Amino acid sequence: MPEGGRRVLEVLGLEIVFHTRDGEIHAVNDVSFSLAPGEVLGVVGESGSGKSVTMMSLIGLLPSPPARVCRGQVLLDGENLLMVSPARMRQVRGGEVGFVFQDPMTSLNPVFTVGYQLAEPLRRHMGMTKRAARARSIELLELVGIPDAAARLRDYPHQFSGGMRQRVMIAIALACEPKVLIADEPTTALDVTIQAQILELLQDLRAQLGMAIIWITHDLGVIAGIADRVMVMYGGQVVEQAPVREVFGNPQHPYTRALLKTVPSVTGARAARLEVIEGQPPILTSAPSACSFRDRCADRAAQCDRENPVLRAIGGGHDVACHQSYGGCPA
């Protein structure tokens, strides 16, 4: 976690359970992290690790039932969002915390114009008149690099390319100048050229607006280029947190090291064969009582079967949840 200074967002001991016909699934287990103003936190991990579920729960986007937040606090400038009224949560959602989803075609409403969907949060959260909201909508489209912005307000989502739709989603998320922007794999479906443009755009907007960003992705290359700090999740838990240079230069958790080995290298005379992480992520029908990564870990020891490691500080803003990394297991 960042040391000292103000935190715009603090998540403490978050636990989330899904109730299914086959029993309970403990999707998120004792997750804690914090975010400073203007900071970019990269969140990585394979599908099913709890990344999106954690972030959607912060602003009440999980369907309840089947999801239930069992424990924890989500503090936005000190206010616990898990305790606020539905009306207050609607103010927060879009007003103080923006969310950009992975697929803009399913996130944008196909029967309303882009101009209507941009103006709605401005009128709802900021009390703008129709004329003021239209003027601000034009500014937002220009801000995210959409040409001929005034004319494009009349267009529908299907009239935009994939990259342009994602820019519209970012404009909607930024409409009320949120304190925190959560981006859930917003460039996954885009080609690399458009992806680079979106990344550059968000870096520029972060500098202009001073907002904090949580960037969820599978792509460690993106994290290396955009994040200040990295949070690695596995089995619904945070297994490692550290500044981005520390994660890439000195990874401490076996899962983090395994993830880094799956990234292709462009150095060397000949590319080495990519490594894979054997096995499957766990299905958590109960809260973990042992290390969730033990069945896939080459460094497994007896203590890993008996005790679930907790996240501990090992110095330099580096936290890790591994018995080996803080001396519990032999190397």
Protein backbone atom coordinates (compact mmCIF):
# COMPACT_ATOMS: atom_id res chain seq x y z
CA MET A 1 0.00 0.00 0.00
CA PRO A 2 1.21 3.54 -0.55
CA GLU A 3 3.03 4.92 2.46
CA GLY A 4 1.83 8.18 3.99
CA GLY A 5 -0.30 10.82 2.32
CA ARG A 6 -4.03 10.93 1.67
CA ARG A 7 -5.95 7.92 0.39
CA VAL A 8 -8.86 8.63 -1.91
CA LEU A 9 -9.92 4.98 -1.65
CA GLU A 10 -9.30 2.32 0.98
CA VAL A 11 -10.62 -1.24 0.83
CA LEU A 12 -10.29 -3.19 4.07
CA GLY A 13 -10.88 -6.91 4.57
CA LEU A 14 -13.39 -7.33 1.72
CA GLU A 15 -15.11 -10.72 1.50
CA ILE A 16 -17.72 -11.65 -1.14
CA VAL A 17 -19.73 -14.86 -1.42
CA PHE A 18 -21.93 -16.04 -4.31
CA HIS A 19 -24.87 -18.28 -3.44
CA THR A 20 -25.45 -20.89 -6.17
CA ARG A 21 -27.51 -24.06 -6.53
CA ASP A 22 -24.33 -26.04 -5.88
CA GLY A 23 -23.49 -24.11 -2.70
CA GLU A 24 -21.47 -21.06 -1.76
CA ILE A 25 -18.56 -19.75 -3.80
CA HIS A 26 -16.11 -17.61 -1.82
CA ALA A 27 -15.10 -15.35 -4.68
CA VAL A 28 -13.20 -12.67 -2.74
CA ASN A 29 -11.39 -13.34 0.53
CA ASP A 30 -9.93 -10.68 2.82
CA VAL A 31 -8.89 -8.24 0.08
CA SER A 32 -7.34 -4.96 1.22
CA PHE A 33 -5.70 -2.18 -0.77
CA SER A 34 -5.59 1.61 -0.98
CA LEU A 35 -5.28 4.23 -3.68
CA ALA A 36 -3.74 7.69 -3.54
CA PRO A 37 -5.02 10.63 -5.62
CA GLY A 38 -3.52 10.51 -9.11
CA GLU A 39 -2.13 7.00 -8.66
CA VAL A 40 -2.57 4.18 -11.19
CA LEU A 41 -3.03 0.74 -9.61
CA GLY A 42 -2.71 -2.19 -12.00
CA VAL A 43 -4.68 -5.31 -11.04
CA VAL A 44 -3.57 -8.57 -12.67
CA GLY A 45 -4.44 -12.25 -12.43
CA GLU A 46 -6.04 -14.94 -14.58
CA SER A 47 -9.78 -15.19 -15.17
CA GLY A 48 -11.64 -16.14 -12.01
CA SER A 49 -9.09 -14.59 -9.67
CA GLY A 50 -11.62 -12.05 -8.34
CA LYS A 51 -10.39 -8.89 -10.06
CA SER A 52 -13.63 -7.70 -11.65
CA VAL A 53 -15.85 -8.96 -8.82
CA THR A 54 -13.80 -6.98 -6.31
CA MET A 55 -13.98 -3.75 -8.29
CA MET A 56 -17.66 -4.05 -9.23
CA SER A 57 -18.53 -4.54 -5.57
CA LEU A 58 -16.99 -1.17 -4.68
CA ILE A 59 -19.89 0.71 -6.28
CA GLY A 60 -22.67 -1.83 -5.87
CA LEU A 61 -22.65 -3.32 -9.37
CA LEU A 62 -22.88 -6.96 -8.27
CA PRO A 63 -26.37 -8.53 -8.44
CA SER A 64 -27.66 -9.32 -4.96
CA PRO A 65 -28.63 -12.15 -4.85
CA PRO A 66 -26.61 -14.17 -5.71
CA ALA A 67 -23.67 -12.00 -4.55
CA ARG A 68 -23.31 -10.91 -0.94
CA VAL A 69 -20.60 -8.78 0.66
CA CYS A 70 -20.03 -10.59 3.95
CA ARG A 71 -17.41 -8.39 5.51
CA GLY A 72 -15.17 -5.39 4.95
CA GLN A 73 -15.14 -1.66 4.32
CA VAL A 74 -14.90 0.42 1.15
CA LEU A 75 -13.87 3.94 2.17
CA LEU A 76 -14.12 6.70 -0.44
CA ASP A 77 -12.60 9.76 1.22
CA GLY A 78 -13.50 8.13 4.54
CA GLU A 79 -17.14 7.31 3.68
CA ASN A 80 -17.98 3.59 3.83
CA LEU A 81 -19.77 2.85 0.56
CA LEU A 82 -21.02 -0.50 1.85
CA MET A 83 -23.21 1.33 4.36
CA VAL A 84 -24.69 4.10 2.21
CA SER A 85 -28.28 4.30 0.95
CA PRO A 86 -29.19 3.31 -2.63
CA ALA A 87 -29.74 6.99 -3.43
CA ARG A 88 -26.26 7.90 -2.20
CA MET A 89 -24.74 5.01 -4.14
CA ARG A 90 -26.35 6.31 -7.32
CA GLN A 91 -24.63 9.64 -6.66
CA VAL A 92 -21.28 7.91 -6.21
CA ARG A 93 -21.68 5.64 -9.25
CA GLY A 94 -20.74 7.76 -12.23
CA GLY A 95 -20.44 10.92 -10.16
CA GLU A 96 -17.46 10.17 -7.92
CA VAL A 97 -16.35 6.80 -9.28
CA GLY A 98 -16.36 6.13 -13.03
CA PHE A 99 -16.35 2.64 -14.55
CA VAL A 100 -15.21 1.64 -18.05
CA PHE A 101 -16.27 -1.87 -19.04
CA GLN A 102 -14.47 -4.30 -21.35
CA ASP A 103 -17.07 -4.38 -24.14
CA PRO A 104 -18.48 -0.97 -25.06
CA MET A 105 -21.04 -2.45 -27.46
CA THR A 106 -22.86 -4.20 -24.60
CA SER A 107 -22.31 -1.30 -22.18
CA LEU A 108 -23.74 1.42 -24.40
CA ASN A 109 -27.51 1.40 -24.96
CA PRO A 110 -28.10 0.73 -28.67
CA VAL A 111 -31.46 2.59 -28.80
CA PHE A 112 -30.18 5.95 -27.48
CA THR A 113 -27.81 8.35 -29.20
CA VAL A 114 -24.34 8.87 -27.84
CA GLY A 115 -25.30 12.48 -27.04
CA TYR A 116 -28.19 11.33 -24.84
CA GLN A 117 -26.00 8.84 -22.99
CA LEU A 118 -23.32 11.47 -22.40
CA ALA A 119 -25.78 14.09 -21.21
CA GLU A 120 -27.63 11.80 -18.78
CA PRO A 121 -24.94 11.69 -16.02
CA LEU A 122 -24.30 15.42 -16.45
CA ARG A 123 -27.95 16.27 -15.86
CA ARG A 124 -28.44 13.66 -13.13
CA HIS A 125 -25.28 14.21 -11.10
CA MET A 126 -24.35 17.80 -11.89
CA GLY A 127 -27.78 19.35 -12.41
CA MET A 128 -26.91 20.80 -15.83
CA THR A 129 -29.50 22.19 -18.19
CA LYS A 130 -30.03 20.46 -21.52
CA ARG A 131 -28.00 23.15 -23.31
CA ALA A 132 -25.13 23.05 -20.81
CA ALA A 133 -25.04 19.24 -20.90
CA ARG A 134 -24.83 19.29 -24.70
CA ALA A 135 -21.95 21.77 -24.64
CA ARG A 136 -20.11 19.68 -22.06
CA SER A 137 -20.77 16.49 -24.07
CA ILE A 138 -19.07 18.08 -27.08
CA GLU A 139 -16.09 19.00 -24.89
CA LEU A 140 -15.87 15.43 -23.59
CA LEU A 141 -15.89 13.88 -27.05
CA GLU A 142 -13.20 16.31 -28.13
CA LEU A 143 -11.25 15.47 -24.96
CA VAL A 144 -11.15 11.77 -25.89
CA GLY A 145 -10.17 12.51 -29.48
CA ILE A 146 -13.39 12.01 -31.44
CA PRO A 147 -13.45 14.35 -34.48
CA ASP A 148 -16.52 16.36 -35.51
CA ALA A 149 -17.84 15.95 -31.97
CA ALA A 150 -20.99 18.09 -32.30
CA ALA A 151 -22.28 16.07 -35.24
CA ARG A 152 -21.42 12.73 -33.66
CA LEU A 153 -23.69 13.42 -30.67
CA ARG A 154 -26.59 12.47 -32.94
CA ASP A 155 -25.09 9.08 -33.84
CA TYR A 156 -25.92 5.72 -32.27
CA PRO A 157 -23.30 3.31 -30.84
CA HIS A 158 -23.37 1.01 -33.90
CA GLN A 159 -22.22 3.94 -36.04
CA PHE A 160 -18.88 4.06 -34.19
CA SER A 161 -15.89 1.74 -34.58
CA GLY A 162 -14.76 -0.39 -31.63
CA GLY A 163 -12.03 2.05 -30.66
CA MET A 164 -14.35 5.04 -30.94
CA ARG A 165 -17.03 3.29 -28.84
CA GLN A 166 -14.44 2.71 -26.14
CA ARG A 167 -13.53 6.41 -26.28
CA VAL A 168 -17.23 7.23 -25.83
CA MET A 169 -17.34 4.95 -22.78
CA ILE A 170 -14.32 6.74 -21.34
CA ALA A 171 -15.98 10.11 -22.01
CA ILE A 172 -19.13 8.97 -20.15
CA ALA A 173 -17.03 7.68 -17.24
CA LEU A 174 -15.18 11.02 -17.08
CA ALA A 175 -18.26 13.20 -17.50
CA CYS A 176 -18.54 14.18 -13.84
CA GLU A 177 -14.76 14.29 -13.25
CA PRO A 178 -14.68 11.32 -10.85
CA LYS A 179 -12.14 10.91 -8.08
CA VAL A 180 -11.50 7.31 -9.16
CA LEU A 181 -11.76 5.68 -12.60
CA ILE A 182 -12.04 1.88 -12.72
CA ALA A 183 -11.12 0.45 -16.14
CA ASP A 184 -11.98 -3.25 -16.51
CA GLU A 185 -9.84 -4.52 -19.39
CA PRO A 186 -10.97 -1.65 -21.62
CA THR A 187 -8.49 -2.38 -24.43
CA THR A 188 -8.70 -6.20 -24.60
CA ALA A 189 -10.92 -6.35 -27.70
CA LEU A 190 -9.03 -3.61 -29.57
CA ASP A 191 -6.13 -3.92 -32.00
CA VAL A 192 -2.71 -2.87 -30.72
CA THR A 193 -2.72 0.51 -32.48
CA ILE A 194 -6.05 1.56 -30.95
CA GLN A 195 -4.96 0.06 -27.62
CA ALA A 196 -1.87 2.29 -27.60
CA GLN A 197 -4.03 5.34 -28.37
CA ILE A 198 -6.42 4.55 -25.50
CA LEU A 199 -3.53 4.05 -23.07
CA GLU A 200 -1.95 7.34 -24.12
CA LEU A 201 -5.32 9.05 -23.80
CA LEU A 202 -5.84 7.84 -20.23
CA GLN A 203 -2.32 8.86 -19.25
CA ASP A 204 -3.01 12.36 -20.60
CA LEU A 205 -6.38 12.57 -18.84
CA ARG A 206 -4.85 11.41 -15.58
CA ALA A 207 -2.30 14.22 -15.82
CA GLN A 208 -4.98 16.80 -16.68
CA LEU A 209 -7.63 15.77 -14.16
CA GLY A 210 -5.50 14.29 -11.36
CA MET A 211 -7.82 11.31 -10.91
CA ALA A 212 -6.77 7.92 -9.56
CA ILE A 213 -7.12 4.90 -11.87
CA ILE A 214 -7.61 1.20 -11.19
CA TRP A 215 -6.64 -0.71 -14.34
CA ILE A 216 -7.75 -4.36 -14.50
CA THR A 217 -6.00 -6.46 -17.14
CA HIS A 218 -4.40 -9.76 -18.13
CA ASP A 219 -1.73 -7.88 -20.04
CA LEU A 220 1.44 -7.38 -18.02
CA GLY A 221 2.90 -5.28 -20.83
CA VAL A 222 0.13 -2.72 -20.35
CA ILE A 223 0.74 -2.72 -16.60
CA ALA A 224 4.45 -2.07 -17.13
CA GLY A 225 3.64 1.00 -19.20
CA ILE A 226 0.81 2.60 -17.23
CA ALA A 227 0.84 1.56 -13.55
CA ASP A 228 2.57 3.03 -10.52
CA ARG A 229 1.77 0.01 -8.37
CA VAL A 230 0.65 -3.55 -9.09
CA MET A 231 -1.76 -5.81 -7.20
CA VAL A 232 -1.63 -9.50 -8.14
CA MET A 233 -4.75 -11.57 -7.36
CA TYR A 234 -5.17 -15.33 -7.26
CA GLY A 235 -8.02 -17.43 -5.88
CA GLY A 236 -9.93 -14.38 -4.69
CA GLN A 237 -7.00 -13.06 -2.67
CA VAL A 238 -4.24 -10.49 -3.06
CA VAL A 239 -1.01 -12.50 -3.20
CA GLU A 240 1.39 -9.64 -3.95
CA GLN A 241 1.41 -5.83 -4.00
CA ALA A 242 4.36 -3.62 -4.86
CA PRO A 243 5.57 -0.70 -6.96
CA VAL A 244 5.62 -1.69 -10.63
CA ARG A 245 9.42 -1.80 -10.91
CA GLU A 246 9.61 -4.04 -7.85
CA VAL A 247 7.07 -6.52 -9.21
CA PHE A 248 8.90 -6.86 -12.53
CA GLY A 249 12.41 -6.74 -11.07
CA ASN A 250 11.95 -8.62 -7.79
CA PRO A 251 8.75 -10.74 -7.81
CA GLN A 252 8.33 -12.64 -4.55
CA HIS A 253 5.22 -14.79 -4.98
CA PRO A 254 5.55 -17.99 -7.10
CA TYR A 255 2.37 -17.05 -8.98
CA THR A 256 3.75 -13.61 -9.91
CA ARG A 257 6.98 -15.20 -11.11
CA ALA A 258 4.99 -17.72 -13.16
CA LEU A 259 2.89 -14.95 -14.73
CA LEU A 260 6.00 -13.04 -15.76
CA LYS A 261 7.43 -16.15 -17.43
CA THR A 262 4.36 -16.36 -19.68
CA VAL A 263 5.15 -12.97 -21.25
CA PRO A 264 7.01 -13.22 -24.59
CA SER A 265 10.40 -11.53 -24.74
CA VAL A 266 11.66 -9.48 -27.67
CA THR A 267 15.27 -9.68 -26.54
CA GLY A 268 17.82 -12.38 -27.33
CA ALA A 269 18.87 -14.06 -30.53
CA ARG A 270 15.91 -16.41 -30.59
CA ALA A 271 12.65 -16.34 -28.70
CA ALA A 272 12.43 -18.98 -25.98
CA ARG A 273 9.44 -21.28 -25.74
CA LEU A 274 6.74 -19.65 -23.61
CA GLU A 275 6.08 -21.27 -20.26
CA VAL A 276 2.60 -22.14 -19.03
CA ILE A 277 1.17 -22.40 -15.53
CA GLU A 278 0.04 -26.00 -15.23
CA GLY A 279 -3.28 -26.80 -13.57
CA GLN A 280 -6.44 -24.79 -12.97
CA PRO A 281 -7.44 -22.00 -10.56
CA PRO A 282 -9.27 -23.24 -7.47
CA ILE A 283 -13.07 -23.34 -7.10
CA LEU A 284 -13.53 -21.89 -3.63
CA THR A 285 -16.53 -23.60 -2.04
CA SER A 286 -15.22 -22.48 1.36
CA ALA A 287 -12.91 -19.78 2.65
CA PRO A 288 -9.31 -20.89 2.00
CA SER A 289 -7.64 -22.65 4.94
CA ALA A 290 -4.47 -23.44 2.99
CA CYS A 291 -2.53 -21.76 0.19
CA SER A 292 -4.79 -21.61 -2.88
CA PHE A 293 -1.79 -21.82 -5.22
CA ARG A 294 -0.20 -24.88 -3.60
CA ASP A 295 -1.36 -27.43 -6.21
CA ARG A 296 0.34 -25.43 -9.00
CA CYS A 297 3.44 -24.35 -7.07
CA ALA A 298 6.89 -25.90 -7.57
CA ASP A 299 7.98 -24.65 -4.13
CA ARG A 300 5.09 -26.25 -2.19
CA ALA A 301 5.94 -27.29 1.38
CA ALA A 302 4.04 -28.86 4.27
CA GLN A 303 3.06 -25.51 5.78
CA CYS A 304 1.31 -24.55 2.53
CA ASP A 305 -1.17 -27.40 3.09
CA ARG A 306 -1.87 -26.40 6.68
CA GLU A 307 -2.09 -22.61 6.65
CA ASN A 308 -3.27 -19.93 4.25
CA PRO A 309 -0.53 -17.27 4.07
CA VAL A 310 -1.57 -13.71 4.85
CA LEU A 311 -0.36 -10.58 3.10
CA ARG A 312 2.70 -9.23 4.92
CA ALA A 313 5.01 -6.29 4.33
CA ILE A 314 8.57 -7.29 3.39
CA GLY A 315 9.92 -3.74 2.93
CA GLY A 316 9.99 -1.04 0.30
CA GLY A 317 6.21 -0.94 -0.09
CA HIS A 318 6.27 -4.62 -1.09
CA ASP A 319 3.64 -6.97 0.39
CA VAL A 320 3.42 -10.71 -0.31
CA ALA A 321 1.31 -13.67 0.85
CA CYS A 322 3.70 -16.61 0.67
CA HIS A 323 5.24 -18.69 3.47
CA GLN A 324 8.47 -19.02 1.53
CA SER A 325 8.83 -15.29 0.92
CA TYR A 326 8.69 -14.42 4.62
CA GLY A 327 10.61 -17.40 5.92
CA GLY A 328 7.96 -20.00 6.68
CA CYS A 329 9.08 -22.57 4.08
CA PRO A 330 12.45 -23.71 2.90
CA ALA A 331 13.54 -22.29 -0.45
